[in-house]
Protein backbone atom coordinates (compact mmCIF):
# COMPACT_ATOMS: atom_id res chain seq x y z
CA MET A 1 -82.87 172.40 -97.70
CA HIS A 2 -85.91 171.96 -95.51
CA VAL A 3 -87.18 175.51 -94.90
CA VAL A 4 -89.84 176.73 -92.48
CA ILE A 5 -91.19 180.27 -92.97
CA VAL A 6 -92.67 181.79 -89.82
CA GLY A 7 -95.02 184.75 -90.21
CA THR A 8 -98.08 186.19 -91.85
CA ALA A 9 -99.75 183.99 -94.46
CA TYR A 10 -103.20 183.28 -95.88
CA PRO A 11 -105.87 183.46 -94.49
CA LEU A 12 -104.26 186.55 -92.98
CA ARG A 13 -103.97 189.43 -95.37
CA GLY A 14 -101.58 192.20 -96.36
CA GLY A 15 -98.21 192.76 -97.96
CA ILE A 16 -96.28 190.51 -95.57
CA ALA A 17 -98.58 187.60 -96.42
CA HIS A 18 -98.11 188.26 -100.13
CA PHE A 19 -94.35 188.43 -99.69
CA ASN A 20 -94.19 185.14 -97.78
CA ALA A 21 -96.38 183.41 -100.36
CA LEU A 22 -94.10 184.48 -103.21
CA LEU A 23 -90.97 183.61 -101.24
CA ALA A 24 -92.34 180.12 -100.58
CA LYS A 25 -93.30 179.72 -104.23
CA TYR A 26 -89.77 180.38 -105.46
CA LEU A 27 -87.99 178.52 -102.67
CA ARG A 28 -90.07 175.44 -103.45
CA ARG A 29 -88.44 175.16 -106.86
CA ASN A 30 -85.35 173.66 -105.19
CA HIS A 31 -86.23 173.14 -101.53
CA SER A 32 -88.84 171.65 -99.22
CA VAL A 33 -90.88 174.55 -97.74
CA GLU A 34 -93.50 174.94 -95.03
CA ILE A 35 -95.21 178.05 -93.66
CA ILE A 36 -96.46 178.46 -90.10
CA THR A 37 -98.66 181.47 -89.43
CA PHE A 38 -100.64 183.19 -86.69
CA LYS A 39 -103.90 182.18 -85.13
CA ARG A 40 -103.76 185.60 -83.48
CA GLN A 41 -101.50 188.13 -85.15
CA TYR A 42 -102.65 191.30 -83.39
CA PRO A 43 -104.97 191.63 -80.40
CA GLY A 44 -108.18 193.15 -81.72
CA ILE A 45 -107.84 196.18 -79.47
CA PHE A 46 -104.49 197.08 -81.09
CA PHE A 47 -105.52 196.43 -84.69
CA PRO A 48 -106.59 199.66 -86.45
CA GLY A 49 -108.15 198.01 -89.51
CA LYS A 50 -111.50 196.39 -90.16
CA SER A 51 -110.34 192.80 -90.63
CA GLN A 52 -107.13 190.80 -90.39
CA THR A 53 -108.18 188.10 -92.86
CA GLU A 54 -108.39 187.74 -96.63
CA GLU A 55 -111.73 186.72 -98.11
CA ASN A 56 -110.42 184.83 -101.13
CA ALA A 57 -107.46 182.48 -101.21
CA PRO A 58 -104.69 183.59 -103.57
CA PRO A 59 -103.80 181.21 -106.40
CA ASP A 60 -101.43 178.41 -105.37
CA ALA A 61 -101.58 179.40 -101.69
CA LEU A 62 -99.41 177.05 -99.64
CA PRO A 63 -101.37 175.65 -96.68
CA ALA A 64 -100.19 177.38 -93.50
CA PRO A 65 -101.20 175.98 -90.10
CA GLN A 66 -102.42 178.77 -87.83
CA LEU A 67 -100.43 178.04 -84.68
CA ILE A 68 -98.86 181.25 -83.35
CA ASP A 69 -100.45 183.47 -80.71
CA SER A 70 -98.50 186.73 -80.71
CA ILE A 71 -99.27 187.55 -77.05
CA ASN A 72 -99.00 184.16 -75.32
CA PRO A 73 -95.43 183.26 -74.19
CA LEU A 74 -96.39 179.64 -73.48
CA ASN A 75 -97.55 179.36 -77.07
CA TRP A 76 -94.26 180.73 -78.41
CA ALA A 77 -92.25 177.99 -76.73
CA ARG A 78 -94.74 175.36 -77.91
CA VAL A 79 -94.51 176.54 -81.53
CA GLY A 80 -90.73 176.56 -81.23
CA ARG A 81 -90.80 172.90 -80.15
CA ILE A 82 -93.11 172.01 -83.05
CA ILE A 83 -90.67 173.55 -85.51
CA LYS A 84 -87.65 172.02 -83.76
CA ARG A 85 -89.12 168.53 -84.18
CA LYS A 86 -89.28 169.12 -87.93
CA LYS A 87 -85.47 169.47 -87.93
CA PRO A 88 -85.41 172.24 -90.52
CA ASP A 89 -82.18 173.43 -92.08
CA LEU A 90 -83.42 177.01 -92.15
CA VAL A 91 -86.16 178.98 -90.37
CA ILE A 92 -87.06 182.31 -91.98
CA PHE A 93 -88.81 185.14 -90.16
CA LYS A 94 -90.12 188.30 -91.88
CA TYR A 95 -89.48 191.06 -89.33
CA TRP A 96 -91.25 194.39 -89.57
CA LEU A 97 -92.38 195.40 -86.08
CA PRO A 98 -90.73 195.03 -82.63
CA PHE A 99 -94.13 194.02 -81.24
CA PHE A 100 -93.27 190.55 -82.60
CA GLY A 101 -89.76 190.58 -81.12
CA PRO A 102 -90.57 188.57 -77.97
CA CYS A 103 -92.62 186.03 -79.94
CA PHE A 104 -90.13 185.55 -82.77
CA GLY A 105 -87.15 185.67 -80.42
CA THR A 106 -88.56 182.90 -78.22
CA ILE A 107 -89.39 180.70 -81.21
CA ALA A 108 -85.87 181.26 -82.59
CA THR A 109 -84.30 180.43 -79.23
CA VAL A 110 -86.11 177.08 -79.10
CA VAL A 111 -85.48 176.06 -82.71
CA LYS A 112 -81.77 176.84 -82.33
CA GLN A 113 -81.58 173.94 -79.88
CA GLN A 114 -81.58 171.80 -83.02
CA PRO A 115 -77.88 171.94 -83.95
CA GLN A 116 -78.24 172.02 -87.75
CA THR A 117 -80.96 174.68 -87.83
CA LYS A 118 -80.06 178.19 -88.97
CA VAL A 119 -82.23 181.28 -88.50
CA LEU A 120 -82.65 184.06 -91.06
CA PHE A 121 -84.50 187.34 -90.49
CA ILE A 122 -85.69 189.33 -93.51
CA CYS A 123 -85.96 192.85 -92.15
CA ASP A 124 -88.43 195.40 -93.46
CA ASN A 125 -87.39 197.49 -90.48
CA VAL A 126 -85.01 197.19 -87.59
CA ILE A 127 -86.47 200.16 -85.76
CA PRO A 128 -89.89 201.20 -87.19
CA HIS A 129 -91.09 204.59 -88.44
CA GLU A 130 -93.47 205.08 -85.52
CA ARG A 131 -91.30 204.55 -82.44
CA ARG A 132 -92.72 203.02 -79.28
CA PRO A 133 -91.29 202.22 -75.85
CA GLY A 134 -89.56 198.86 -75.89
CA ASP A 135 -88.68 198.85 -79.60
CA VAL A 136 -84.92 198.48 -79.09
CA VAL A 137 -85.23 195.95 -76.25
CA PHE A 138 -87.70 193.78 -78.19
CA THR A 139 -85.59 193.88 -81.34
CA ARG A 140 -82.41 192.96 -79.48
CA TYR A 141 -84.22 189.97 -77.97
CA ALA A 142 -85.57 188.91 -81.38
CA PHE A 143 -82.13 189.08 -83.00
CA LYS A 144 -80.25 187.24 -80.22
CA HIS A 145 -80.19 183.87 -82.02
CA VAL A 146 -80.23 185.00 -85.65
CA ASP A 147 -77.53 183.63 -87.96
CA TYR A 148 -78.24 185.73 -91.04
CA PHE A 149 -80.10 188.86 -92.03
CA ILE A 150 -81.43 190.23 -95.29
CA VAL A 151 -82.11 193.95 -95.50
CA GLN A 152 -83.89 195.60 -98.39
CA SER A 153 -82.70 199.20 -98.31
CA THR A 154 -79.71 201.26 -97.24
CA ALA A 155 -81.73 202.82 -94.41
CA VAL A 156 -82.41 199.40 -92.87
CA GLU A 157 -78.81 198.33 -93.48
CA GLU A 158 -77.61 201.37 -91.51
CA ASP A 159 -80.02 200.63 -88.66
CA LEU A 160 -78.89 197.01 -88.55
CA LEU A 161 -75.18 197.86 -88.43
CA LYS A 162 -75.71 200.63 -85.91
CA ASN A 163 -77.40 198.23 -83.48
CA PHE A 164 -75.74 194.94 -84.54
CA PRO A 165 -72.35 195.79 -86.06
CA HIS A 166 -71.28 192.15 -86.42
CA ALA A 167 -74.41 190.97 -88.22
CA VAL A 168 -73.91 188.61 -91.15
CA TYR A 169 -76.20 190.04 -93.82
CA ARG A 170 -76.84 190.83 -97.44
CA LYS A 171 -78.70 193.77 -98.92
CA VAL A 172 -81.07 192.79 -101.68
CA PRO A 173 -84.01 194.88 -102.90
CA HIS A 174 -87.63 193.96 -102.41
CA SER A 175 -88.77 191.76 -105.30
CA VAL A 176 -91.68 192.69 -107.55
CA TYR A 177 -95.14 191.66 -106.38
CA GLU A 178 -96.25 189.54 -109.31
CA ASN A 179 -99.21 187.90 -107.57
CA PHE A 180 -101.82 190.45 -108.63
CA GLY A 181 -102.15 189.30 -112.21
CA PHE A 182 -101.75 191.32 -115.39
CA ALA A 183 -102.65 194.86 -116.30
CA LEU A 184 -105.97 195.62 -117.98
CA PRO A 185 -106.31 198.02 -120.90
CA ARG A 186 -106.52 201.48 -119.36
CA HIS A 187 -109.85 202.38 -120.91
CA GLN A 188 -111.36 199.11 -119.67
CA ALA A 189 -110.14 199.68 -116.12
CA ARG A 190 -111.50 203.23 -116.11
CA GLU A 191 -114.84 202.10 -117.43
CA GLN A 192 -115.00 199.48 -114.70
CA LEU A 193 -114.36 202.16 -112.07
CA ALA A 194 -116.61 204.77 -113.75
CA ILE A 195 -113.70 207.16 -114.17
CA HIS A 196 -114.06 209.85 -116.83
CA ALA A 197 -111.07 212.09 -116.05
CA LYS A 198 -108.26 212.34 -118.60
CA ARG A 199 -105.53 212.11 -115.97
CA VAL A 200 -105.60 209.69 -113.02
CA ILE A 201 -103.19 209.69 -110.08
CA LEU A 202 -103.13 206.75 -107.66
CA TYR A 203 -102.33 206.72 -103.94
CA PHE A 204 -102.53 203.09 -102.85
CA GLY A 205 -102.14 201.29 -99.52
CA TYR A 206 -102.91 201.73 -95.87
CA VAL A 207 -103.34 205.35 -94.86
CA ARG A 208 -101.02 206.18 -91.97
CA GLN A 209 -99.67 209.55 -90.95
CA TYR A 210 -96.08 208.81 -92.00
CA LYS A 211 -97.23 207.96 -95.52
CA GLY A 212 -97.93 211.61 -96.24
CA LEU A 213 -101.38 211.57 -97.82
CA MET A 214 -102.11 214.98 -96.31
CA VAL A 215 -99.15 216.41 -98.24
CA LEU A 216 -100.55 214.97 -101.46
CA LEU A 217 -103.94 216.50 -100.76
CA GLU A 218 -102.28 219.89 -100.27
CA ALA A 219 -100.42 219.40 -103.54
CA MET A 220 -103.68 218.58 -105.33
CA LYS A 221 -104.90 222.12 -104.73
CA ASN A 222 -102.20 223.41 -107.11
CA VAL A 223 -102.71 220.53 -109.51
CA ARG A 224 -106.43 221.25 -109.65
CA GLU A 225 -105.75 224.91 -110.38
CA GLN A 226 -103.48 223.87 -113.25
CA TYR A 227 -106.00 221.58 -114.92
CA GLY A 228 -109.21 223.27 -113.93
CA SER A 229 -111.86 220.57 -113.64
CA ALA A 230 -112.74 217.05 -112.62
CA ALA A 231 -112.85 216.12 -116.30
CA GLU A 232 -109.12 216.73 -116.45
CA ILE A 233 -107.70 215.25 -113.23
CA LEU A 234 -108.59 212.71 -110.53
CA LEU A 235 -106.74 211.47 -107.46
CA LEU A 236 -107.72 207.95 -106.41
CA VAL A 237 -107.01 207.30 -102.72
CA VAL A 238 -107.33 203.54 -102.35
CA GLY A 239 -106.69 201.86 -99.03
CA GLU A 240 -107.91 201.22 -95.54
CA PHE A 241 -107.44 204.03 -93.02
CA TYR A 242 -105.13 203.33 -90.09
CA ASP A 243 -105.41 207.02 -89.24
CA ASP A 244 -108.40 209.29 -88.64
CA GLU A 245 -110.28 209.20 -91.94
CA LYS A 246 -112.38 212.24 -91.05
CA LYS A 247 -109.46 214.65 -90.97
CA TYR A 248 -108.53 213.75 -94.56
CA ARG A 249 -112.07 214.11 -95.81
CA ASP A 250 -112.40 217.40 -93.95
CA ARG A 251 -109.22 218.70 -95.57
CA VAL A 252 -110.51 217.76 -99.01
CA LYS A 253 -113.63 219.85 -98.32
CA GLU A 254 -111.60 222.77 -97.01
CA LEU A 255 -109.53 222.73 -100.20
CA SER A 256 -112.67 222.34 -102.40
CA LEU A 257 -111.30 219.15 -103.92
CA GLU A 258 -114.36 216.94 -103.54
CA ASP A 259 -114.75 216.53 -107.30
CA VAL A 260 -111.12 215.62 -107.98
CA VAL A 261 -110.39 213.28 -105.05
CA ARG A 262 -112.11 209.91 -104.77
CA PHE A 263 -111.69 207.84 -101.62
CA VAL A 264 -111.92 204.06 -101.71
CA PRO A 265 -111.43 203.51 -97.95
CA GLU A 266 -111.13 199.74 -97.87
CA TYR A 267 -108.68 196.91 -98.16
CA VAL A 268 -108.50 195.83 -101.80
CA SER A 269 -108.64 192.09 -102.42
CA ASN A 270 -105.97 190.50 -104.59
CA GLN A 271 -108.17 190.12 -107.64
CA ASP A 272 -109.12 193.81 -107.61
CA VAL A 273 -105.67 195.36 -107.28
CA ALA A 274 -104.99 195.27 -111.03
CA VAL A 275 -107.95 197.45 -111.95
CA TYR A 276 -106.80 200.40 -109.82
CA PHE A 277 -103.22 200.32 -111.08
CA SER A 278 -104.38 199.79 -114.66
CA ALA A 279 -106.68 202.81 -114.45
CA SER A 280 -103.90 205.13 -113.28
CA ASP A 281 -101.17 207.00 -115.13
CA VAL A 282 -98.79 207.36 -112.20
CA VAL A 283 -98.51 206.18 -108.59
CA VAL A 284 -97.61 208.78 -105.95
CA LEU A 285 -95.93 207.84 -102.65
CA PRO A 286 -95.63 211.10 -100.66
CA TYR A 287 -94.09 209.44 -97.58
CA LEU A 288 -92.70 211.51 -94.73
CA SER A 289 -90.50 208.59 -93.66
CA ALA A 290 -89.87 205.11 -95.02
CA THR A 291 -87.42 202.27 -95.32
CA GLN A 292 -88.86 200.81 -98.50
CA SER A 293 -92.37 200.34 -99.88
CA GLY A 294 -94.03 197.26 -101.28
CA ILE A 295 -96.39 199.59 -103.16
CA ALA A 296 -93.52 200.59 -105.43
CA GLN A 297 -93.02 196.93 -106.31
CA ILE A 298 -96.72 196.51 -107.09
CA ALA A 299 -96.49 199.55 -109.37
CA TYR A 300 -93.47 198.04 -111.13
CA ASN A 301 -95.43 194.84 -111.67
CA PHE A 302 -97.95 196.86 -113.68
CA ASP A 303 -95.28 198.98 -115.44
CA LYS A 304 -96.40 202.14 -113.66
CA PRO A 305 -94.01 205.05 -113.06
CA LEU A 306 -93.93 206.64 -109.63
CA ILE A 307 -93.54 210.03 -108.02
CA VAL A 308 -91.97 209.52 -104.60
CA THR A 309 -90.32 211.46 -101.82
CA ASP A 310 -86.64 211.11 -101.09
CA VAL A 311 -86.91 209.19 -97.84
CA GLY A 312 -85.51 205.83 -96.78
CA GLY A 313 -84.97 203.50 -99.70
CA LEU A 314 -87.59 204.94 -102.06
CA ALA A 315 -85.02 206.76 -104.17
CA GLU A 316 -83.06 203.51 -104.45
CA ILE A 317 -86.05 201.83 -106.11
CA VAL A 318 -87.41 204.78 -108.08
CA ILE A 319 -84.66 206.20 -110.27
CA ASP A 320 -85.21 209.94 -110.77
CA GLN A 321 -85.90 210.82 -114.41
CA GLU A 322 -85.73 207.13 -115.42
CA THR A 323 -88.55 205.24 -113.65
CA GLY A 324 -90.21 208.18 -111.94
CA LEU A 325 -89.65 211.50 -110.25
CA VAL A 326 -88.16 212.05 -106.78
CA VAL A 327 -89.06 215.11 -104.70
CA ARG A 328 -88.32 216.46 -101.24
CA PRO A 329 -90.57 215.10 -98.46
CA ASN A 330 -93.29 217.24 -96.89
CA ASP A 331 -93.20 219.79 -99.72
CA PRO A 332 -96.63 220.13 -101.37
CA ALA A 333 -95.39 222.75 -103.84
CA GLU A 334 -92.57 220.56 -105.18
CA LEU A 335 -94.86 217.53 -105.28
CA SER A 336 -97.49 219.43 -107.27
CA GLN A 337 -94.81 220.66 -109.68
CA ALA A 338 -93.67 217.08 -110.26
CA ILE A 339 -97.21 215.92 -111.00
CA VAL A 340 -97.78 218.79 -113.44
CA ARG A 341 -94.41 218.16 -115.06
CA PHE A 342 -95.22 214.46 -115.47
CA TYR A 343 -98.24 215.39 -117.56
CA ASP A 344 -97.12 218.57 -119.31
CA GLU A 345 -93.85 217.05 -120.50
CA ASN A 346 -95.53 213.77 -121.50
CA LEU A 347 -93.09 211.76 -119.39
CA GLU A 348 -95.22 208.65 -119.08
CA GLY A 349 -93.88 206.78 -122.11
CA LYS A 350 -90.24 207.41 -121.25
CA LEU A 351 -90.71 206.44 -117.61
CA VAL A 352 -92.70 203.30 -118.41
CA GLU A 353 -89.83 202.09 -120.59
CA GLY A 354 -87.48 202.81 -117.71
CA VAL A 355 -89.65 200.79 -115.33
CA ARG A 356 -89.61 197.82 -117.71
CA ARG A 357 -85.82 197.90 -117.82
CA GLU A 358 -85.30 198.51 -114.11
CA LYS A 359 -87.69 195.93 -112.71
CA VAL A 360 -85.71 193.06 -114.23
CA LYS A 361 -83.25 193.30 -111.32
CA TYR A 362 -86.04 192.74 -108.76
CA SER A 363 -86.53 189.07 -109.48
CA TRP A 364 -87.49 186.43 -106.93
CA GLU A 365 -84.83 184.15 -108.40
CA HIS A 366 -82.17 186.66 -107.31
CA PHE A 367 -83.73 186.96 -103.86
CA VAL A 368 -83.73 183.19 -103.33
CA GLN A 369 -80.18 182.92 -104.65
CA THR A 370 -79.10 185.43 -102.01
CA ILE A 371 -80.65 183.29 -99.28
CA GLU A 372 -78.87 180.21 -100.61
CA GLU A 373 -75.54 182.04 -100.71
CA LEU A 374 -75.90 183.13 -97.09
CA VAL A 375 -76.74 179.65 -95.84
CA GLU A 376 -73.97 178.06 -97.88
CA GLY A 377 -71.44 180.48 -96.47
CA ARG A 378 -70.91 182.47 -99.66
CA HIS A 379 -71.71 185.73 -97.92
CA GLU A 380 -69.65 188.89 -98.21
């Protein structure tokens, strides 16, 4: 097949770009693949982060022409015509936010004028965690000319069928992010980060309200009381703030946790991701809501167990008692108990072995095979 992937790609940064790069890498084993990305992904006024671009090109990055302007309707039709002239067999969109519904929907409408071209949407969300006016209308427009869907959790599957009951789709879990290299020896990673605590917990990724960092900070009060000092326990909070950073720092001071919580409030480049995961014992995702999380798949890449809340598809990825621990959302007491249990019962070795077994099913080969089955008509 000749495949065109439309969406975020280097030099733009973030999990969607990483996903598209890995998808292209594995599709290229048997197919001709191109990527077309944004010249303007978000208007600056709407972007909460510091930068939308990656400083260093990832290894084997596929060149991606920057053609798409997310807020210019004339551009959308023009990009659609560019893709249509390529006569692709399949155009793949990664869909995560209805903001892109008008743009992606227009491009899809134009490319579908080419009779042999099929359109596939890989849905992180159908309706997002943080609802906004227009979400349903924009999503319905985006999906109007879609032939196939892939969803990556039961929560997204339910949203898809609720809004589009006749959708042709497959559910396949998010594949492991293998593009961040290999783990470092733990002592080496901790030396590199000047960490001296015996126990290290990692919260990684963009800080947004629905991701529940405040709950984890509340839980750390009990954890700190259990272990007593900064020499015993450290929480690493690593990621750029898409929420008010001050309120989190203020809460740390109010709870007297300054010596056991370290903020690294910045986007971490690809080559530096490994050191933070390698330095940690366990990754905690205290989300208040979710569909799935790419952070879990980064943790699996580094054989790290997780403590997660039972929201969305997290409990589908993290198997309670086997690859991590699952707790109720928005419950600092239960979260703190899980963290203490992880250490006091020496669960790390058992859970790491579980991660190594479980992550085998999250292969990119399986993901690509699912796409091929859909396009060839071997769907359920």
